[in-house]
C-alpha atoms as a PDB file:
ATOM      1  CA  MET A   1       0.000   0.000   0.000  1.00  0.00           C
ATOM      2  CA  HIS A   2       2.775   2.431   0.940  1.00  0.00           C
ATOM      3  CA  SER A   3       4.678   1.632  -2.253  1.00  0.00           C
ATOM      4  CA  LEU A   4       1.657   2.602  -4.362  1.00  0.00           C
ATOM      5  CA  LEU A   5       1.358   5.883  -2.500  1.00  0.00           C
ATOM      6  CA  LEU A   6       5.048   6.626  -2.977  1.00  0.00           C
ATOM      7  CA  ALA A   7       4.844   5.673  -6.653  1.00  0.00           C
ATOM      8  CA  GLY A   8       2.290   8.449  -7.122  1.00  0.00           C
ATOM      9  CA  ILE A   9       4.089  11.059  -4.994  1.00  0.00           C
ATOM     10  CA  ILE A  10       7.680  10.686  -6.201  1.00  0.00           C
ATOM     11  CA  PRO A  11       6.984  11.434  -9.904  1.00  0.00           C
ATOM     12  CA  ALA A  12       4.906  14.427  -8.856  1.00  0.00           C
ATOM     13  CA  MET A  13       7.797  15.786  -6.777  1.00  0.00           C
ATOM     14  CA  LEU A  14      10.441  15.164  -9.441  1.00  0.00           C
ATOM     15  CA  VAL A  15       8.393  16.352 -12.425  1.00  0.00           C
ATOM     16  CA  PRO A  16       5.868  19.032 -11.373  1.00  0.00           C
ATOM     17  CA  GLY A  17       3.854  18.794 -14.597  1.00  0.00           C
ATOM     18  CA  VAL A  18       2.995  15.152 -13.875  1.00  0.00           C
ATOM     19  CA  ALA A  19       0.945  16.093 -10.820  1.00  0.00           C
ATOM     20  CA  HIS A  20      -1.531  18.022 -12.926  1.00  0.00           C
ATOM     21  CA  ALA A  21      -1.461  16.015 -16.153  1.00  0.00           C
ATOM     22  CA  GLY A  22      -4.843  14.394 -15.508  1.00  0.00           C
ATOM     23  CA  HIS A  23      -6.599  17.710 -14.860  1.00  0.00           C
ATOM     24  CA  ALA A  24      -6.350  19.176 -18.364  1.00  0.00           C
ATOM     25  CA  THR A  25      -9.549  20.826 -19.526  1.00  0.00           C
ATOM     26  CA  GLY A  26      -9.143  19.925 -23.167  1.00  0.00           C
ATOM     27  CA  PRO A  27      -6.873  18.307 -25.703  1.00  0.00           C
ATOM     28  CA  VAL A  28      -3.222  19.301 -25.627  1.00  0.00           C
ATOM     29  CA  ARG A  29      -2.341  21.322 -28.709  1.00  0.00           C
ATOM     30  CA  ASP A  30       0.930  22.634 -30.070  1.00  0.00           C
ATOM     31  CA  VAL A  31       1.624  26.327 -29.618  1.00  0.00           C
ATOM     32  CA  PRO A  32       0.920  28.082 -32.931  1.00  0.00           C
ATOM     33  CA  ALA A  33       3.946  29.554 -34.659  1.00  0.00           C
ATOM     34  CA  ALA A  34       2.520  33.063 -34.282  1.00  0.00           C
ATOM     35  CA  ARG A  35       2.426  32.666 -30.484  1.00  0.00           C
ATOM     36  CA  ALA A  36       5.817  30.942 -30.130  1.00  0.00           C
ATOM     37  CA  GLY A  37       7.624  34.202 -29.326  1.00  0.00           C
ATOM     38  CA  THR A  38       5.046  35.666 -26.921  1.00  0.00           C
ATOM     39  CA  ALA A  39       5.351  35.628 -23.169  1.00  0.00           C
ATOM     40  CA  PRO A  40       3.440  32.945 -21.260  1.00  0.00           C
ATOM     41  CA  GLY A  41      -0.007  34.169 -20.306  1.00  0.00           C
ATOM     42  CA  ALA A  42       0.009  36.994 -22.850  1.00  0.00           C
ATOM     43  CA  PRO A  43      -3.296  37.280 -24.731  1.00  0.00           C
ATOM     44  CA  ALA A  44      -3.363  36.188 -28.353  1.00  0.00           C
ATOM     45  CA  SER A  45      -4.040  38.811 -30.992  1.00  0.00           C
ATOM     46  CA  SER A  46      -7.181  36.921 -31.996  1.00  0.00           C
ATOM     47  CA  PRO A  47      -8.590  33.658 -30.672  1.00  0.00           C
ATOM     48  CA  GLU A  48      -8.256  30.576 -32.835  1.00  0.00           C
ATOM     49  CA  PRO A  49     -11.382  28.851 -34.179  1.00  0.00           C
ATOM     50  CA  ARG A  50     -12.755  26.037 -32.026  1.00  0.00           C
ATOM     51  CA  THR A  51     -15.095  23.172 -32.732  1.00  0.00           C
ATOM     52  CA  GLY A  52     -17.501  22.041 -30.048  1.00  0.00           C
ATOM     53  CA  LEU A  53     -20.883  20.567 -29.245  1.00  0.00           C
ATOM     54  CA  LEU A  54     -23.510  23.288 -28.825  1.00  0.00           C
ATOM     55  CA  GLY A  55     -26.075  20.766 -27.621  1.00  0.00           C
ATOM     56  CA  THR A  56     -28.477  17.964 -28.409  1.00  0.00           C
ATOM     57  CA  PHE A  57     -31.806  19.100 -29.749  1.00  0.00           C
ATOM     58  CA  ALA A  58     -35.058  17.522 -30.937  1.00  0.00           C
ATOM     59  CA  PHE A  59     -34.806  15.708 -34.245  1.00  0.00           C
ATOM     60  CA  GLY A  60     -34.620  18.230 -37.077  1.00  0.00           C
ATOM     61  CA  ARG A  61     -34.041  21.238 -34.790  1.00  0.00           C
ATOM     62  CA  ALA A  62     -30.222  21.101 -34.821  1.00  0.00           C
ATOM     63  CA  ALA A  63     -30.219  21.622 -38.588  1.00  0.00           C
ATOM     64  CA  VAL A  64     -32.474  24.686 -38.270  1.00  0.00           C
ATOM     65  CA  ILE A  65     -30.337  26.191 -35.492  1.00  0.00           C
ATOM     66  CA  GLY A  66     -27.101  25.355 -37.341  1.00  0.00           C
ATOM     67  CA  ALA A  67     -28.264  26.981 -40.572  1.00  0.00           C
ATOM     68  CA  GLY A  68     -29.428  30.081 -38.696  1.00  0.00           C
ATOM     69  CA  GLY A  69     -26.086  30.491 -36.948  1.00  0.00           C
ATOM     70  CA  GLU A  70     -24.152  30.082 -40.192  1.00  0.00           C
ATOM     71  CA  GLU A  71     -26.401  32.584 -41.984  1.00  0.00           C
ATOM     72  CA  ALA A  72     -25.942  35.066 -39.116  1.00  0.00           C
ATOM     73  CA  GLY A  73     -22.175  34.543 -39.193  1.00  0.00           C
ATOM     74  CA  VAL A  74     -21.818  33.540 -35.529  1.00  0.00           C
ATOM     75  CA  TRP A  75     -20.150  30.264 -36.550  1.00  0.00           C
ATOM     76  CA  SER A  76     -18.423  29.172 -39.709  1.00  0.00           C
ATOM     77  CA  GLY A  77     -19.496  25.564 -39.861  1.00  0.00           C
ATOM     78  CA  ALA A  78     -22.217  23.366 -38.434  1.00  0.00           C
ATOM     79  CA  SER A  79     -22.707  19.628 -38.620  1.00  0.00           C
ATOM     80  CA  VAL A  80     -25.564  17.524 -37.321  1.00  0.00           C
ATOM     81  CA  HIS A  81     -25.091  14.032 -35.894  1.00  0.00           C
ATOM     82  CA  SER A  82     -28.254  12.057 -35.205  1.00  0.00           C
ATOM     83  CA  GLY A  83     -28.396   9.853 -32.133  1.00  0.00           C
ATOM     84  CA  PHE A  84     -30.909   8.108 -29.912  1.00  0.00           C
ATOM     85  CA  ALA A  85     -31.852  11.215 -27.911  1.00  0.00           C
ATOM     86  CA  GLY A  86     -31.965  13.708 -30.777  1.00  0.00           C
ATOM     87  CA  ASP A  87     -29.591  15.581 -33.058  1.00  0.00           C
ATOM     88  CA  ASP A  88     -26.206  16.829 -31.842  1.00  0.00           C
ATOM     89  CA  LEU A  89     -25.162  20.206 -33.228  1.00  0.00           C
ATOM     90  CA  VAL A  90     -21.389  20.563 -33.607  1.00  0.00           C
ATOM     91  CA  ILE A  91     -20.187  24.041 -34.575  1.00  0.00           C
ATOM     92  CA  THR A  92     -16.917  25.736 -35.526  1.00  0.00           C
ATOM     93  CA  TYR A  93     -16.647  29.248 -34.106  1.00  0.00           C
ATOM     94  CA  VAL A  94     -14.218  31.901 -32.923  1.00  0.00           C
ATOM     95  CA  PRO A  95     -14.607  32.470 -29.156  1.00  0.00           C
ATOM     96  CA  ARG A  96     -15.782  35.952 -28.192  1.00  0.00           C
ATOM     97  CA  LEU A  97     -14.168  37.738 -25.286  1.00  0.00           C
ATOM     98  CA  ALA A  98     -16.249  40.909 -25.527  1.00  0.00           C
ATOM     99  CA  PRO A  99     -19.826  41.585 -26.638  1.00  0.00           C
ATOM    100  CA  ALA A 100     -20.494  42.637 -30.217  1.00  0.00           C
ATOM    101  CA  ARG A 101     -21.580  46.255 -30.737  1.00  0.00           C
ATOM    102  CA  HIS A 102     -24.982  45.273 -32.068  1.00  0.00           C
ATOM    103  CA  GLU A 103     -27.327  42.387 -31.455  1.00  0.00           C
ATOM    104  CA  GLN A 104     -27.510  39.724 -34.134  1.00  0.00           C
ATOM    105  CA  VAL A 105     -30.462  37.482 -34.874  1.00  0.00           C
ATOM    106  CA  VAL A 106     -29.371  33.828 -34.857  1.00  0.00           C
ATOM    107  CA  TYR A 107     -32.675  32.058 -35.486  1.00  0.00           C
ATOM    108  CA  THR A 108     -36.348  31.973 -34.513  1.00  0.00           C
ATOM    109  CA  ALA A 109     -37.983  29.079 -32.678  1.00  0.00           C
ATOM    110  CA  ARG A 110     -41.489  29.011 -34.125  1.00  0.00           C
ATOM    111  CA  TYR A 111     -44.348  27.711 -32.008  1.00  0.00           C
ATOM    112  CA  ASN A 112     -45.683  25.551 -34.848  1.00  0.00           C
ATOM    113  CA  GLU A 113     -42.285  23.847 -35.352  1.00  0.00           C
ATOM    114  CA  VAL A 114     -41.136  23.158 -31.796  1.00  0.00           C
ATOM    115  CA  ALA A 115     -43.086  22.142 -28.691  1.00  0.00           C
ATOM    116  CA  TYR A 116     -41.464  24.641 -26.300  1.00  0.00           C
ATOM    117  CA  PRO A 117     -39.942  27.500 -28.320  1.00  0.00           C
ATOM    118  CA  GLN A 118     -39.005  29.610 -25.285  1.00  0.00           C
ATOM    119  CA  ALA A 119     -37.167  26.710 -23.628  1.00  0.00           C
ATOM    120  CA  GLU A 120     -35.281  25.907 -26.838  1.00  0.00           C
ATOM    121  CA  CYS A 121     -34.290  29.542 -27.330  1.00  0.00           C
ATOM    122  CA  GLU A 122     -33.054  29.826 -23.731  1.00  0.00           C
ATOM    123  CA  ARG A 123     -31.105  26.586 -24.034  1.00  0.00           C
ATOM    124  CA  VAL A 124     -29.366  27.591 -27.270  1.00  0.00           C
ATOM    125  CA  GLY A 125     -28.566  31.023 -25.817  1.00  0.00           C
ATOM    126  CA  ALA A 126     -27.119  29.646 -22.581  1.00  0.00           C
ATOM    127  CA  SER A 127     -25.082  27.003 -24.434  1.00  0.00           C
ATOM    128  CA  GLY A 128     -23.587  29.696 -26.657  1.00  0.00           C
ATOM    129  CA  VAL A 129     -22.567  31.769 -23.634  1.00  0.00           C
ATOM    130  CA  ALA A 130     -21.002  28.715 -21.974  1.00  0.00           C
ATOM    131  CA  LEU A 131     -18.894  28.028 -25.085  1.00  0.00           C
ATOM    132  CA  ARG A 132     -18.175  31.758 -25.618  1.00  0.00           C
ATOM    133  CA  VAL A 133     -19.789  31.717 -29.050  1.00  0.00           C
ATOM    134  CA  TRP A 134     -21.389  34.958 -27.850  1.00  0.00           C
ATOM    135  CA  VAL A 135     -21.152  36.918 -24.617  1.00  0.00           C
ATOM    136  CA  SER A 136     -24.831  37.545 -23.920  1.00  0.00           C
ATOM    137  CA  TYR A 137     -28.216  36.709 -25.369  1.00  0.00           C
ATOM    138  CA  ARG A 138     -31.920  37.346 -25.055  1.00  0.00           C
ATOM    139  CA  CYS A 139     -35.003  35.640 -26.405  1.00  0.00           C
ATOM    140  CA  ARG A 140     -37.507  38.058 -27.888  1.00  0.00           C
ATOM    141  CA  THR A 141     -41.139  37.208 -28.458  1.00  0.00           C
ATOM    142  CA  GLY A 142     -43.887  38.979 -30.358  1.00  0.00           C
ATOM    143  CA  VAL A 143     -47.584  38.534 -31.062  1.00  0.00           C
ATOM    144  CA  ALA A 144     -47.235  34.847 -31.897  1.00  0.00           C
ATOM    145  CA  PRO A 145     -45.466  32.705 -29.295  1.00  0.00           C
ATOM    146  CA  ASN A 146     -42.289  32.540 -31.395  1.00  0.00           C
ATOM    147  CA  TYR A 147     -38.934  33.232 -29.749  1.00  0.00           C
ATOM    148  CA  THR A 148     -36.072  34.885 -31.626  1.00  0.00           C
ATOM    149  CA  LEU A 149     -32.533  34.442 -30.309  1.00  0.00           C
ATOM    150  CA  LEU A 150     -30.561  37.694 -30.305  1.00  0.00           C
ATOM    151  CA  VAL A 151     -26.887  37.613 -29.316  1.00  0.00           C
ATOM    152  CA  ARG A 152     -24.012  40.010 -28.659  1.00  0.00           C
END
């Protein structure tokens, strides 16, 4: 028992990076050539594009949301992967660190196309904030119970 404990402690003491190797938040990537000469911790001139899962939505809804985001220019690519629980929406986007000057319309959840348009709009908006696709959002409604996602 003591030998197993020591086997875990000694490498951590000799090589500090080993102690935290299992706690990485994402895949390890090479430092881009443009950043090679910058000081550690210095902000990049512009964030690099990322690809990530925005969420799993009702069948057919991921395609609508993906097309709306591409048309609005908030992400550059969207792909839909169907599964047992619905459609996964995978997007390629540039993370935002500050809000845009003006609100952009991403898409509208129409009451005759989705069971709970307000819930879908809120979920897409919150997922985008969590991934930093946009900094803030709001769901606007009008006369009909449709909900339009506006982002900054």
